[in-house]
């Protein structure tokens, strides 16, 4: 779930590594 909501990244890996299909679904700080 974390990967899908964060552009297919994985925790503790490089920012521009994308391991699966995903998107920027992150909640904003204001919300």
ModelCIF file with pLDDT and N, C-alpha, C, O atoms, coordinates in Angstrom:
data_MODEL
#
_entry.id   MODEL 
#
_entity.id                         1 
_entity.type                       polymer 
_entity.pdbx_number_of_molecules   1 
#
_entity_poly.entity_id                      1 
_entity_poly.type                           'polypeptide(L)' 
_entity_poly.nstd_linkage                   no 
_entity_poly.nstd_monomer                   no 
_entity_poly.pdbx_seq_one_letter_code       
;(UNK)(UNK)(UNK)(UNK)(UNK)(UNK)(UNK)(UNK)(UNK)(UNK)(UNK)(UNK)(UNK)(UNK)(UNK)(UNK)
(UNK)(UNK)(UNK)(UNK)(UNK)(UNK)(UNK)(UNK)(UNK)(UNK)(UNK)(UNK)(UNK)(UNK)(UNK)
;
_entity_poly.pdbx_seq_one_letter_code_can   XXXXXXXXXXXXXXXXXXXXXXXXXXXXXXX 
_entity_poly.pdbx_strand_id                 A 
#
loop_
_entity_poly_seq.entity_id 
_entity_poly_seq.num 
_entity_poly_seq.mon_id 
_entity_poly_seq.hetero 
1 1  UNK n 
1 2  UNK n 
1 3  UNK n 
1 4  UNK n 
1 5  UNK n 
1 6  UNK n 
1 7  UNK n 
1 8  UNK n 
1 9  UNK n 
1 10 UNK n 
1 11 UNK n 
1 12 UNK n 
1 13 UNK n 
1 14 UNK n 
1 15 UNK n 
1 16 UNK n 
1 17 UNK n 
1 18 UNK n 
1 19 UNK n 
1 20 UNK n 
1 21 UNK n 
1 22 UNK n 
1 23 UNK n 
1 24 UNK n 
1 25 UNK n 
1 26 UNK n 
1 27 UNK n 
1 28 UNK n 
1 29 UNK n 
1 30 UNK n 
1 31 UNK n 
#
_struct_asym.id          A 
_struct_asym.entity_id   1 
#
loop_
_ma_qa_metric.id 
_ma_qa_metric.mode 
_ma_qa_metric.name 
_ma_qa_metric.software_group_id 
_ma_qa_metric.type 
1 global pLDDT . pLDDT 
2 local  pLDDT . pLDDT 
#
_ma_qa_metric_global.metric_id      1 
_ma_qa_metric_global.metric_value   93.45 
_ma_qa_metric_global.model_id       1 
_ma_qa_metric_global.ordinal_id     1 
#
loop_
_ma_qa_metric_local.label_asym_id 
_ma_qa_metric_local.label_comp_id 
_ma_qa_metric_local.label_seq_id 
_ma_qa_metric_local.metric_id 
_ma_qa_metric_local.metric_value 
_ma_qa_metric_local.model_id 
_ma_qa_metric_local.ordinal_id 
A UNK 1  2 98.00 1 1  
A UNK 2  2 97.00 1 2  
A UNK 3  2 97.00 1 3  
A UNK 4  2 97.00 1 4  
A UNK 5  2 97.00 1 5  
A UNK 6  2 96.00 1 6  
A UNK 7  2 92.00 1 7  
A UNK 8  2 91.00 1 8  
A UNK 9  2 94.00 1 9  
A UNK 10 2 90.00 1 10 
A UNK 11 2 89.00 1 11 
A UNK 12 2 86.00 1 12 
A UNK 13 2 88.00 1 13 
A UNK 14 2 89.00 1 14 
A UNK 15 2 85.00 1 15 
A UNK 16 2 92.00 1 16 
A UNK 17 2 89.00 1 17 
A UNK 18 2 90.00 1 18 
A UNK 19 2 88.00 1 19 
A UNK 20 2 92.00 1 20 
A UNK 21 2 91.00 1 21 
A UNK 22 2 94.00 1 22 
A UNK 23 2 95.00 1 23 
A UNK 24 2 96.00 1 24 
A UNK 25 2 97.00 1 25 
A UNK 26 2 98.00 1 26 
A UNK 27 2 98.00 1 27 
A UNK 28 2 97.00 1 28 
A UNK 29 2 98.00 1 29 
A UNK 30 2 98.00 1 30 
A UNK 31 2 98.00 1 31 
#
loop_
_atom_site.group_PDB 
_atom_site.id 
_atom_site.type_symbol 
_atom_site.label_atom_id 
_atom_site.label_alt_id 
_atom_site.label_comp_id 
_atom_site.label_asym_id 
_atom_site.label_entity_id 
_atom_site.label_seq_id 
_atom_site.pdbx_PDB_ins_code 
_atom_site.Cartn_x 
_atom_site.Cartn_y 
_atom_site.Cartn_z 
_atom_site.occupancy 
_atom_site.B_iso_or_equiv 
_atom_site.pdbx_formal_charge 
_atom_site.auth_seq_id 
_atom_site.auth_comp_id 
_atom_site.auth_asym_id 
_atom_site.auth_atom_id 
_atom_site.pdbx_PDB_model_num 
ATOM 1   N N  . UNK A 1 1  ? 0.842  -1.209 0.000   1.00 98.00 ? 1  UNK A N  1 
ATOM 2   C CA . UNK A 1 1  ? 0.000  0.000  0.000   1.00 98.00 ? 1  UNK A CA 1 
ATOM 3   C C  . UNK A 1 1  ? 0.873  1.254  0.000   1.00 98.00 ? 1  UNK A C  1 
ATOM 4   O O  . UNK A 1 1  ? 0.608  2.209  -0.731  1.00 98.00 ? 1  UNK A O  1 
ATOM 5   N N  . UNK A 1 2  ? 1.908  1.237  0.824   1.00 97.00 ? 2  UNK A N  1 
ATOM 6   C CA . UNK A 1 2  ? 2.807  2.396  0.888   1.00 97.00 ? 2  UNK A CA 1 
ATOM 7   C C  . UNK A 1 2  ? 3.439  2.650  -0.470  1.00 97.00 ? 2  UNK A C  1 
ATOM 8   O O  . UNK A 1 2  ? 3.559  3.800  -0.892  1.00 97.00 ? 2  UNK A O  1 
ATOM 9   N N  . UNK A 1 3  ? 3.842  1.590  -1.156  1.00 97.00 ? 3  UNK A N  1 
ATOM 10  C CA . UNK A 1 3  ? 4.472  1.729  -2.465  1.00 97.00 ? 3  UNK A CA 1 
ATOM 11  C C  . UNK A 1 3  ? 3.491  2.296  -3.486  1.00 97.00 ? 3  UNK A C  1 
ATOM 12  O O  . UNK A 1 3  ? 3.830  3.220  -4.225  1.00 97.00 ? 3  UNK A O  1 
ATOM 13  N N  . UNK A 1 4  ? 2.281  1.749  -3.533  1.00 97.00 ? 4  UNK A N  1 
ATOM 14  C CA . UNK A 1 4  ? 1.294  2.212  -4.512  1.00 97.00 ? 4  UNK A CA 1 
ATOM 15  C C  . UNK A 1 4  ? 0.957  3.683  -4.281  1.00 97.00 ? 4  UNK A C  1 
ATOM 16  O O  . UNK A 1 4  ? 0.792  4.440  -5.238  1.00 97.00 ? 4  UNK A O  1 
ATOM 17  N N  . UNK A 1 5  ? 0.855  4.091  -3.012  1.00 97.00 ? 5  UNK A N  1 
ATOM 18  C CA . UNK A 1 5  ? 0.459  5.478  -2.740  1.00 97.00 ? 5  UNK A CA 1 
ATOM 19  C C  . UNK A 1 5  ? 1.617  6.452  -2.919  1.00 97.00 ? 5  UNK A C  1 
ATOM 20  O O  . UNK A 1 5  ? 1.415  7.665  -2.877  1.00 97.00 ? 5  UNK A O  1 
ATOM 21  N N  . UNK A 1 6  ? 2.831  5.934  -3.120  1.00 96.00 ? 6  UNK A N  1 
ATOM 22  C CA . UNK A 1 6  ? 4.015  6.776  -3.200  1.00 96.00 ? 6  UNK A CA 1 
ATOM 23  C C  . UNK A 1 6  ? 4.796  6.491  -4.483  1.00 96.00 ? 6  UNK A C  1 
ATOM 24  O O  . UNK A 1 6  ? 6.013  6.306  -4.476  1.00 96.00 ? 6  UNK A O  1 
ATOM 25  N N  . UNK A 1 7  ? 4.033  6.463  -5.593  1.00 92.00 ? 7  UNK A N  1 
ATOM 26  C CA . UNK A 1 7  ? 4.629  6.396  -6.934  1.00 92.00 ? 7  UNK A CA 1 
ATOM 27  C C  . UNK A 1 7  ? 5.417  5.117  -7.202  1.00 92.00 ? 7  UNK A C  1 
ATOM 28  O O  . UNK A 1 7  ? 6.321  5.113  -8.038  1.00 92.00 ? 7  UNK A O  1 
ATOM 29  N N  . UNK A 1 8  ? 5.090  4.043  -6.510  1.00 91.00 ? 8  UNK A N  1 
ATOM 30  C CA . UNK A 1 8  ? 5.765  2.775  -6.750  1.00 91.00 ? 8  UNK A CA 1 
ATOM 31  C C  . UNK A 1 8  ? 7.120  2.655  -6.094  1.00 91.00 ? 8  UNK A C  1 
ATOM 32  O O  . UNK A 1 8  ? 7.856  1.705  -6.360  1.00 91.00 ? 8  UNK A O  1 
ATOM 33  N N  . UNK A 1 9  ? 7.465  3.616  -5.230  1.00 94.00 ? 9  UNK A N  1 
ATOM 34  C CA . UNK A 1 9  ? 8.727  3.533  -4.489  1.00 94.00 ? 9  UNK A CA 1 
ATOM 35  C C  . UNK A 1 9  ? 8.620  2.465  -3.400  1.00 94.00 ? 9  UNK A C  1 
ATOM 36  O O  . UNK A 1 9  ? 7.534  1.966  -3.105  1.00 94.00 ? 9  UNK A O  1 
ATOM 37  N N  . UNK A 1 10 ? 9.745  2.131  -2.821  1.00 90.00 ? 10 UNK A N  1 
ATOM 38  C CA . UNK A 1 10 ? 9.781  1.224  -1.682  1.00 90.00 ? 10 UNK A CA 1 
ATOM 39  C C  . UNK A 1 10 ? 10.492 1.903  -0.523  1.00 90.00 ? 10 UNK A C  1 
ATOM 40  O O  . UNK A 1 10 ? 11.423 2.679  -0.742  1.00 90.00 ? 10 UNK A O  1 
ATOM 41  N N  . UNK A 1 11 ? 10.066 1.623  0.724   1.00 89.00 ? 11 UNK A N  1 
ATOM 42  C CA . UNK A 1 11 ? 10.764 2.216  1.869   1.00 89.00 ? 11 UNK A CA 1 
ATOM 43  C C  . UNK A 1 11 ? 12.248 1.852  1.853   1.00 89.00 ? 11 UNK A C  1 
ATOM 44  O O  . UNK A 1 11 ? 12.627 0.730  1.519   1.00 89.00 ? 11 UNK A O  1 
ATOM 45  N N  . UNK A 1 12 ? 13.071 2.823  2.222   1.00 86.00 ? 12 UNK A N  1 
ATOM 46  C CA . UNK A 1 12 ? 14.519 2.610  2.371   1.00 86.00 ? 12 UNK A CA 1 
ATOM 47  C C  . UNK A 1 12 ? 15.233 2.336  1.052   1.00 86.00 ? 12 UNK A C  1 
ATOM 48  O O  . UNK A 1 12 ? 16.359 1.839  1.051   1.00 86.00 ? 12 UNK A O  1 
ATOM 49  N N  . UNK A 1 13 ? 14.589 2.655  -0.074  1.00 88.00 ? 13 UNK A N  1 
ATOM 50  C CA . UNK A 1 13 ? 15.255 2.547  -1.363  1.00 88.00 ? 13 UNK A CA 1 
ATOM 51  C C  . UNK A 1 13 ? 15.423 3.937  -1.976  1.00 88.00 ? 13 UNK A C  1 
ATOM 52  O O  . UNK A 1 13 ? 14.984 4.926  -1.389  1.00 88.00 ? 13 UNK A O  1 
ATOM 53  N N  . UNK A 1 14 ? 16.044 4.022  -3.130  1.00 89.00 ? 14 UNK A N  1 
ATOM 54  C CA . UNK A 1 14 ? 16.339 5.300  -3.740  1.00 89.00 ? 14 UNK A CA 1 
ATOM 55  C C  . UNK A 1 14 ? 15.059 6.007  -4.203  1.00 89.00 ? 14 UNK A C  1 
ATOM 56  O O  . UNK A 1 14 ? 14.080 5.359  -4.572  1.00 89.00 ? 14 UNK A O  1 
ATOM 57  N N  . UNK A 1 15 ? 15.084 7.354  -4.178  1.00 85.00 ? 15 UNK A N  1 
ATOM 58  C CA . UNK A 1 15 ? 13.919 8.159  -4.529  1.00 85.00 ? 15 UNK A CA 1 
ATOM 59  C C  . UNK A 1 15 ? 13.448 7.891  -5.954  1.00 85.00 ? 15 UNK A C  1 
ATOM 60  O O  . UNK A 1 15 ? 12.244 7.830  -6.205  1.00 85.00 ? 15 UNK A O  1 
ATOM 61  N N  . UNK A 1 16 ? 14.364 7.734  -6.872  1.00 92.00 ? 16 UNK A N  1 
ATOM 62  C CA . UNK A 1 16 ? 13.989 7.530  -8.265  1.00 92.00 ? 16 UNK A CA 1 
ATOM 63  C C  . UNK A 1 16 ? 14.003 6.055  -8.669  1.00 92.00 ? 16 UNK A C  1 
ATOM 64  O O  . UNK A 1 16 ? 14.186 5.728  -9.842  1.00 92.00 ? 16 UNK A O  1 
ATOM 65  N N  . UNK A 1 17 ? 13.810 5.174  -7.698  1.00 89.00 ? 17 UNK A N  1 
ATOM 66  C CA . UNK A 1 17 ? 13.563 3.757  -7.986  1.00 89.00 ? 17 UNK A CA 1 
ATOM 67  C C  . UNK A 1 17 ? 12.066 3.506  -7.842  1.00 89.00 ? 17 UNK A C  1 
ATOM 68  O O  . UNK A 1 17 ? 11.467 3.826  -6.816  1.00 89.00 ? 17 UNK A O  1 
ATOM 69  N N  . UNK A 1 18 ? 11.476 2.934  -8.875  1.00 90.00 ? 18 UNK A N  1 
ATOM 70  C CA . UNK A 1 18 ? 10.035 2.682  -8.877  1.00 90.00 ? 18 UNK A CA 1 
ATOM 71  C C  . UNK A 1 18 ? 9.808  1.210  -9.198  1.00 90.00 ? 18 UNK A C  1 
ATOM 72  O O  . UNK A 1 18 ? 10.178 0.740  -10.274 1.00 90.00 ? 18 UNK A O  1 
ATOM 73  N N  . UNK A 1 19 ? 9.202  0.485  -8.268  1.00 88.00 ? 19 UNK A N  1 
ATOM 74  C CA . UNK A 1 19 ? 9.140  -0.967 -8.349  1.00 88.00 ? 19 UNK A CA 1 
ATOM 75  C C  . UNK A 1 19 ? 7.811  -1.503 -8.842  1.00 88.00 ? 19 UNK A C  1 
ATOM 76  O O  . UNK A 1 19 ? 7.714  -2.663 -9.243  1.00 88.00 ? 19 UNK A O  1 
ATOM 77  N N  . UNK A 1 20 ? 6.776  -0.655 -8.814  1.00 92.00 ? 20 UNK A N  1 
ATOM 78  C CA . UNK A 1 20 ? 5.450  -1.107 -9.230  1.00 92.00 ? 20 UNK A CA 1 
ATOM 79  C C  . UNK A 1 20 ? 4.651  0.101  -9.704  1.00 92.00 ? 20 UNK A C  1 
ATOM 80  O O  . UNK A 1 20 ? 5.052  1.243  -9.480  1.00 92.00 ? 20 UNK A O  1 
ATOM 81  N N  . UNK A 1 21 ? 3.528  -0.150 -10.355 1.00 91.00 ? 21 UNK A N  1 
ATOM 82  C CA . UNK A 1 21 ? 2.672  0.957  -10.770 1.00 91.00 ? 21 UNK A CA 1 
ATOM 83  C C  . UNK A 1 21 ? 2.060  1.601  -9.520  1.00 91.00 ? 21 UNK A C  1 
ATOM 84  O O  . UNK A 1 21 ? 1.621  0.911  -8.599  1.00 91.00 ? 21 UNK A O  1 
ATOM 85  N N  . UNK A 1 22 ? 2.041  2.911  -9.511  1.00 94.00 ? 22 UNK A N  1 
ATOM 86  C CA . UNK A 1 22 ? 1.483  3.635  -8.372  1.00 94.00 ? 22 UNK A CA 1 
ATOM 87  C C  . UNK A 1 22 ? 1.249  5.073  -8.763  1.00 94.00 ? 22 UNK A C  1 
ATOM 88  O O  . UNK A 1 22 ? 1.286  5.412  -9.946  1.00 94.00 ? 22 UNK A O  1 
ATOM 89  N N  . UNK A 1 23 ? 1.012  5.914  -7.795  1.00 95.00 ? 23 UNK A N  1 
ATOM 90  C CA . UNK A 1 23 ? 0.787  7.325  -8.065  1.00 95.00 ? 23 UNK A CA 1 
ATOM 91  C C  . UNK A 1 23 ? 1.074  8.132  -6.822  1.00 95.00 ? 23 UNK A C  1 
ATOM 92  O O  . UNK A 1 23 ? 1.326  7.569  -5.756  1.00 95.00 ? 23 UNK A O  1 
ATOM 93  N N  . UNK A 1 24 ? 1.039  9.430  -6.945  1.00 96.00 ? 24 UNK A N  1 
ATOM 94  C CA . UNK A 1 24 ? 1.176  10.286 -5.775  1.00 96.00 ? 24 UNK A CA 1 
ATOM 95  C C  . UNK A 1 24 ? -0.204 10.456 -5.158  1.00 96.00 ? 24 UNK A C  1 
ATOM 96  O O  . UNK A 1 24 ? -0.952 11.370 -5.505  1.00 96.00 ? 24 UNK A O  1 
ATOM 97  N N  . UNK A 1 25 ? -0.520 9.561  -4.241  1.00 97.00 ? 25 UNK A N  1 
ATOM 98  C CA . UNK A 1 25 ? -1.815 9.581  -3.566  1.00 97.00 ? 25 UNK A CA 1 
ATOM 99  C C  . UNK A 1 25 ? -1.683 10.032 -2.115  1.00 97.00 ? 25 UNK A C  1 
ATOM 100 O O  . UNK A 1 25 ? -2.570 9.772  -1.302  1.00 97.00 ? 25 UNK A O  1 
ATOM 101 N N  . UNK A 1 26 ? -0.577 10.709 -1.783  1.00 98.00 ? 26 UNK A N  1 
ATOM 102 C CA . UNK A 1 26 ? -0.301 11.061 -0.389  1.00 98.00 ? 26 UNK A CA 1 
ATOM 103 C C  . UNK A 1 26 ? -1.248 12.156 0.119   1.00 98.00 ? 26 UNK A C  1 
ATOM 104 O O  . UNK A 1 26 ? -1.582 13.091 -0.609  1.00 98.00 ? 26 UNK A O  1 
ATOM 105 N N  . UNK A 1 27 ? -1.666 12.024 1.358   1.00 98.00 ? 27 UNK A N  1 
ATOM 106 C CA . UNK A 1 27 ? -2.492 13.045 2.013   1.00 98.00 ? 27 UNK A CA 1 
ATOM 107 C C  . UNK A 1 27 ? -1.627 14.271 2.308   1.00 98.00 ? 27 UNK A C  1 
ATOM 108 O O  . UNK A 1 27 ? -0.440 14.134 2.602   1.00 98.00 ? 27 UNK A O  1 
ATOM 109 N N  . UNK A 1 28 ? -2.214 15.464 2.232   1.00 97.00 ? 28 UNK A N  1 
ATOM 110 C CA . UNK A 1 28 ? -1.453 16.686 2.495   1.00 97.00 ? 28 UNK A CA 1 
ATOM 111 C C  . UNK A 1 28 ? -1.364 16.959 3.995   1.00 97.00 ? 28 UNK A C  1 
ATOM 112 O O  . UNK A 1 28 ? -2.155 16.445 4.787   1.00 97.00 ? 28 UNK A O  1 
ATOM 113 N N  . UNK A 1 29 ? -0.391 17.772 4.360   1.00 98.00 ? 29 UNK A N  1 
ATOM 114 C CA . UNK A 1 29 ? -0.218 18.160 5.754   1.00 98.00 ? 29 UNK A CA 1 
ATOM 115 C C  . UNK A 1 29 ? -1.388 18.996 6.264   1.00 98.00 ? 29 UNK A C  1 
ATOM 116 O O  . UNK A 1 29 ? -1.730 18.919 7.443   1.00 98.00 ? 29 UNK A O  1 
ATOM 117 N N  . UNK A 1 30 ? -2.006 19.794 5.393   1.00 98.00 ? 30 UNK A N  1 
ATOM 118 C CA . UNK A 1 30 ? -3.147 20.594 5.836   1.00 98.00 ? 30 UNK A CA 1 
ATOM 119 C C  . UNK A 1 30 ? -4.303 19.692 6.255   1.00 98.00 ? 30 UNK A C  1 
ATOM 120 O O  . UNK A 1 30 ? -4.946 19.932 7.277   1.00 98.00 ? 30 UNK A O  1 
ATOM 121 N N  . UNK A 1 31 ? -4.563 18.660 5.469   1.00 98.00 ? 31 UNK A N  1 
ATOM 122 C CA . UNK A 1 31 ? -5.625 17.720 5.844   1.00 98.00 ? 31 UNK A CA 1 
ATOM 123 C C  . UNK A 1 31 ? -5.245 16.946 7.097   1.00 98.00 ? 31 UNK A C  1 
ATOM 124 O O  . UNK A 1 31 ? -6.017 16.108 7.563   1.00 98.00 ? 31 UNK A O  1 
#
